[in-house]
Amino acid sequence: MKRAALDQEELLIKGLRERNSVIIKKIYGDSFDRLFRSFSKYNVSEEEMKDAFQDALLIIYRQVQKDDFTLTSKFHTYLYGVCHNVIRNK
């Protein structure tokens, strides 16, 4: 990844670690609609997506608290994967 993209990803992770409300709102603003459009083709309602998104952020929050956490993809890709698993397991 380019340095600017890496900085952006690190900023998101740092913001989640610190429970920074500005960063969390940015994640919602940047990702929720895009993810909802992706999952709506699988008959996921907006309410189900809101629940899955919230659960996914909580899972990611717990993961980024670990000292050995390393993001190996773009944050959005990671969030998509976690949302996918949450929806699939419900």
N, C-alpha and C. Protein backbone atom coordinates (compact mmCIF):
# COMPACT_ATOMS: atom_id res chain seq x y z
N MET A 1 0.85 -1.19 0.00
CA MET A 1 0.00 0.00 0.00
C MET A 1 0.88 1.24 0.00
N LYS A 2 0.39 2.28 -0.63
CA LYS A 2 1.12 3.54 -0.62
C LYS A 2 1.11 4.12 0.78
N ARG A 3 2.07 4.97 1.08
CA ARG A 3 2.20 5.54 2.43
C ARG A 3 0.96 6.31 2.86
N ALA A 4 0.34 7.11 1.97
CA ALA A 4 -0.86 7.88 2.34
C ALA A 4 -2.01 6.94 2.69
N ALA A 5 -2.16 5.87 1.91
CA ALA A 5 -3.21 4.89 2.20
C ALA A 5 -2.94 4.18 3.51
N LEU A 6 -1.67 3.88 3.75
CA LEU A 6 -1.29 3.23 4.99
C LEU A 6 -1.58 4.13 6.18
N ASP A 7 -1.26 5.42 6.04
CA ASP A 7 -1.56 6.37 7.10
C ASP A 7 -3.05 6.41 7.41
N GLN A 8 -3.88 6.38 6.36
CA GLN A 8 -5.34 6.39 6.52
C GLN A 8 -5.80 5.15 7.29
N GLU A 9 -5.27 4.01 6.93
CA GLU A 9 -5.64 2.76 7.60
C GLU A 9 -5.20 2.80 9.07
N GLU A 10 -4.00 3.28 9.31
CA GLU A 10 -3.49 3.39 10.68
C GLU A 10 -4.33 4.35 11.50
N LEU A 11 -4.78 5.43 10.88
CA LEU A 11 -5.63 6.40 11.56
C LEU A 11 -6.96 5.76 12.00
N LEU A 12 -7.53 4.95 11.13
CA LEU A 12 -8.79 4.27 11.47
C LEU A 12 -8.59 3.30 12.63
N ILE A 13 -7.53 2.53 12.59
CA ILE A 13 -7.24 1.56 13.65
C ILE A 13 -6.98 2.29 14.96
N LYS A 14 -6.16 3.33 14.91
CA LYS A 14 -5.85 4.11 16.12
C LYS A 14 -7.13 4.73 16.69
N GLY A 15 -7.97 5.25 15.81
CA GLY A 15 -9.23 5.85 16.25
C GLY A 15 -10.15 4.84 16.93
N LEU A 16 -10.20 3.64 16.38
CA LEU A 16 -11.01 2.58 17.02
C LEU A 16 -10.42 2.20 18.37
N ARG A 17 -9.11 2.03 18.41
CA ARG A 17 -8.46 1.68 19.68
C ARG A 17 -8.81 2.68 20.77
N GLU A 18 -8.84 3.94 20.39
CA GLU A 18 -9.08 5.00 21.36
C GLU A 18 -10.56 5.37 21.50
N ARG A 19 -11.41 4.65 20.78
CA ARG A 19 -12.86 4.91 20.78
C ARG A 19 -13.15 6.36 20.44
N ASN A 20 -12.44 6.85 19.43
CA ASN A 20 -12.57 8.23 18.97
C ASN A 20 -13.88 8.35 18.18
N SER A 21 -14.82 9.14 18.69
CA SER A 21 -16.14 9.25 18.07
C SER A 21 -16.07 9.83 16.66
N VAL A 22 -15.13 10.72 16.40
CA VAL A 22 -15.00 11.30 15.06
C VAL A 22 -14.60 10.21 14.06
N ILE A 23 -13.66 9.37 14.44
CA ILE A 23 -13.21 8.28 13.56
C ILE A 23 -14.32 7.25 13.38
N ILE A 24 -15.02 6.92 14.44
CA ILE A 24 -16.11 5.94 14.34
C ILE A 24 -17.20 6.46 13.42
N LYS A 25 -17.54 7.74 13.53
CA LYS A 25 -18.54 8.34 12.62
C LYS A 25 -18.03 8.33 11.19
N LYS A 26 -16.73 8.55 11.01
CA LYS A 26 -16.14 8.50 9.67
C LYS A 26 -16.27 7.10 9.08
N ILE A 27 -16.01 6.09 9.90
CA ILE A 27 -16.14 4.70 9.43
C ILE A 27 -17.58 4.44 9.00
N TYR A 28 -18.54 4.84 9.83
CA TYR A 28 -19.94 4.69 9.46
C TYR A 28 -20.24 5.42 8.16
N GLY A 29 -19.82 6.69 8.09
CA GLY A 29 -20.11 7.50 6.92
C GLY A 29 -19.49 6.97 5.64
N ASP A 30 -18.28 6.46 5.75
CA ASP A 30 -17.56 5.96 4.58
C ASP A 30 -17.99 4.56 4.17
N SER A 31 -18.50 3.77 5.10
CA SER A 31 -18.66 2.34 4.83
C SER A 31 -20.08 1.81 4.86
N PHE A 32 -20.95 2.35 5.70
CA PHE A 32 -22.25 1.70 5.90
C PHE A 32 -23.05 1.59 4.61
N ASP A 33 -23.23 2.68 3.89
CA ASP A 33 -24.06 2.64 2.67
C ASP A 33 -23.48 1.69 1.63
N ARG A 34 -22.17 1.73 1.48
CA ARG A 34 -21.52 0.86 0.50
C ARG A 34 -21.72 -0.61 0.88
N LEU A 35 -21.55 -0.92 2.17
CA LEU A 35 -21.75 -2.30 2.61
C LEU A 35 -23.21 -2.72 2.50
N PHE A 36 -24.13 -1.81 2.84
CA PHE A 36 -25.55 -2.14 2.74
C PHE A 36 -25.92 -2.46 1.29
N ARG A 37 -25.42 -1.67 0.35
CA ARG A 37 -25.70 -1.96 -1.06
C ARG A 37 -25.15 -3.33 -1.45
N SER A 38 -23.98 -3.66 -0.95
CA SER A 38 -23.39 -4.96 -1.27
C SER A 38 -24.21 -6.12 -0.72
N PHE A 39 -24.69 -5.96 0.51
CA PHE A 39 -25.39 -7.06 1.16
C PHE A 39 -26.89 -7.08 0.86
N SER A 40 -27.45 -5.98 0.39
CA SER A 40 -28.89 -5.95 0.13
C SER A 40 -29.28 -6.91 -0.99
N LYS A 41 -28.35 -7.20 -1.89
CA LYS A 41 -28.66 -8.16 -2.96
C LYS A 41 -28.83 -9.57 -2.41
N TYR A 42 -28.46 -9.78 -1.15
CA TYR A 42 -28.67 -11.07 -0.48
C TYR A 42 -29.85 -11.00 0.47
N ASN A 43 -30.74 -10.04 0.22
CA ASN A 43 -31.96 -9.85 1.00
C ASN A 43 -31.68 -9.50 2.46
N VAL A 44 -30.63 -8.75 2.71
CA VAL A 44 -30.33 -8.25 4.05
C VAL A 44 -31.03 -6.91 4.20
N SER A 45 -31.88 -6.80 5.20
CA SER A 45 -32.62 -5.55 5.41
C SER A 45 -31.68 -4.49 6.00
N GLU A 46 -32.11 -3.25 5.95
CA GLU A 46 -31.29 -2.18 6.52
C GLU A 46 -31.11 -2.38 8.02
N GLU A 47 -32.14 -2.83 8.69
CA GLU A 47 -32.06 -3.08 10.14
C GLU A 47 -31.06 -4.20 10.44
N GLU A 48 -31.11 -5.28 9.65
CA GLU A 48 -30.15 -6.37 9.83
C GLU A 48 -28.72 -5.89 9.57
N MET A 49 -28.58 -5.01 8.58
CA MET A 49 -27.25 -4.49 8.25
C MET A 49 -26.75 -3.60 9.37
N LYS A 50 -27.62 -2.78 9.95
CA LYS A 50 -27.21 -1.93 11.07
C LYS A 50 -26.71 -2.79 12.23
N ASP A 51 -27.45 -3.85 12.54
CA ASP A 51 -27.04 -4.76 13.62
C ASP A 51 -25.71 -5.43 13.30
N ALA A 52 -25.58 -5.92 12.07
CA ALA A 52 -24.35 -6.61 11.67
C ALA A 52 -23.17 -5.63 11.67
N PHE A 53 -23.39 -4.42 11.21
CA PHE A 53 -22.33 -3.42 11.17
C PHE A 53 -21.85 -3.10 12.58
N GLN A 54 -22.80 -2.93 13.48
CA GLN A 54 -22.45 -2.64 14.88
C GLN A 54 -21.69 -3.82 15.50
N ASP A 55 -22.18 -5.02 15.26
CA ASP A 55 -21.49 -6.21 15.77
C ASP A 55 -20.08 -6.32 15.19
N ALA A 56 -19.95 -6.04 13.90
CA ALA A 56 -18.65 -6.12 13.24
C ALA A 56 -17.68 -5.10 13.82
N LEU A 57 -18.15 -3.89 14.05
CA LEU A 57 -17.26 -2.88 14.65
C LEU A 57 -16.82 -3.28 16.05
N LEU A 58 -17.72 -3.90 16.79
CA LEU A 58 -17.36 -4.37 18.13
C LEU A 58 -16.30 -5.47 18.06
N ILE A 59 -16.47 -6.37 17.12
CA ILE A 59 -15.49 -7.44 16.92
C ILE A 59 -14.13 -6.85 16.54
N ILE A 60 -14.16 -5.91 15.60
CA ILE A 60 -12.90 -5.28 15.16
C ILE A 60 -12.29 -4.50 16.31
N TYR A 61 -13.13 -3.79 17.08
CA TYR A 61 -12.62 -3.04 18.24
C TYR A 61 -11.86 -3.98 19.18
N ARG A 62 -12.43 -5.14 19.45
CA ARG A 62 -11.76 -6.10 20.34
C ARG A 62 -10.46 -6.60 19.73
N GLN A 63 -10.46 -6.81 18.42
CA GLN A 63 -9.26 -7.30 17.76
C GLN A 63 -8.13 -6.27 17.79
N VAL A 64 -8.46 -5.00 17.54
CA VAL A 64 -7.41 -3.98 17.48
C VAL A 64 -6.82 -3.66 18.85
N GLN A 65 -7.47 -4.10 19.91
CA GLN A 65 -6.94 -3.90 21.26
C GLN A 65 -5.77 -4.84 21.55
N LYS A 66 -5.66 -5.90 20.78
CA LYS A 66 -4.58 -6.86 20.99
C LYS A 66 -3.26 -6.29 20.49
N ASP A 67 -2.22 -6.51 21.25
CA ASP A 67 -0.89 -5.98 20.91
C ASP A 67 -0.37 -6.52 19.58
N ASP A 68 -0.75 -7.74 19.26
CA ASP A 68 -0.21 -8.35 18.05
C ASP A 68 -1.09 -8.15 16.81
N PHE A 69 -2.11 -7.27 16.91
CA PHE A 69 -3.00 -7.05 15.77
C PHE A 69 -2.23 -6.36 14.65
N THR A 70 -2.37 -6.89 13.44
CA THR A 70 -1.81 -6.28 12.25
C THR A 70 -2.86 -6.33 11.15
N LEU A 71 -3.15 -5.18 10.59
CA LEU A 71 -4.09 -5.10 9.47
C LEU A 71 -3.34 -5.47 8.20
N THR A 72 -3.79 -6.52 7.53
CA THR A 72 -3.08 -6.99 6.34
C THR A 72 -3.85 -6.70 5.06
N SER A 73 -4.94 -5.95 5.17
CA SER A 73 -5.72 -5.55 4.01
C SER A 73 -6.19 -4.12 4.25
N LYS A 74 -6.93 -3.59 3.31
CA LYS A 74 -7.54 -2.29 3.55
C LYS A 74 -8.60 -2.46 4.64
N PHE A 75 -8.81 -1.41 5.41
CA PHE A 75 -9.76 -1.48 6.50
C PHE A 75 -11.15 -1.85 6.00
N HIS A 76 -11.58 -1.24 4.89
CA HIS A 76 -12.92 -1.53 4.36
C HIS A 76 -13.06 -3.01 4.00
N THR A 77 -12.02 -3.59 3.45
CA THR A 77 -12.05 -5.01 3.09
C THR A 77 -12.20 -5.87 4.35
N TYR A 78 -11.47 -5.51 5.37
CA TYR A 78 -11.56 -6.22 6.66
C TYR A 78 -12.95 -6.08 7.25
N LEU A 79 -13.49 -4.87 7.24
CA LEU A 79 -14.84 -4.63 7.75
C LEU A 79 -15.88 -5.41 6.96
N TYR A 80 -15.73 -5.45 5.65
CA TYR A 80 -16.64 -6.23 4.81
C TYR A 80 -16.61 -7.71 5.21
N GLY A 81 -15.41 -8.25 5.38
CA GLY A 81 -15.29 -9.66 5.74
C GLY A 81 -15.91 -9.97 7.09
N VAL A 82 -15.69 -9.10 8.05
CA VAL A 82 -16.28 -9.32 9.38
C VAL A 82 -17.80 -9.21 9.29
N CYS A 83 -18.31 -8.20 8.57
CA CYS A 83 -19.77 -8.08 8.39
C CYS A 83 -20.34 -9.33 7.71
N HIS A 84 -19.64 -9.81 6.70
CA HIS A 84 -20.09 -11.01 6.00
C HIS A 84 -20.22 -12.19 6.96
N ASN A 85 -19.22 -12.37 7.80
CA ASN A 85 -19.27 -13.48 8.77
C ASN A 85 -20.37 -13.28 9.80
N VAL A 86 -20.58 -12.05 10.25
CA VAL A 86 -21.64 -11.79 11.22
C VAL A 86 -23.00 -12.12 10.59
N ILE A 87 -23.23 -11.65 9.38
CA ILE A 87 -24.52 -11.90 8.71
C ILE A 87 -24.70 -13.39 8.45
N ARG A 88 -23.66 -14.04 7.99
CA ARG A 88 -23.76 -15.47 7.70
C ARG A 88 -24.07 -16.29 8.95
N ASN A 89 -23.56 -15.84 10.10
CA ASN A 89 -23.75 -16.59 11.34
C ASN A 89 -25.07 -16.29 12.04
N LYS A 90 -25.83 -15.37 11.52
CA LYS A 90 -27.13 -15.05 12.15
C LYS A 90 -28.24 -15.83 11.54
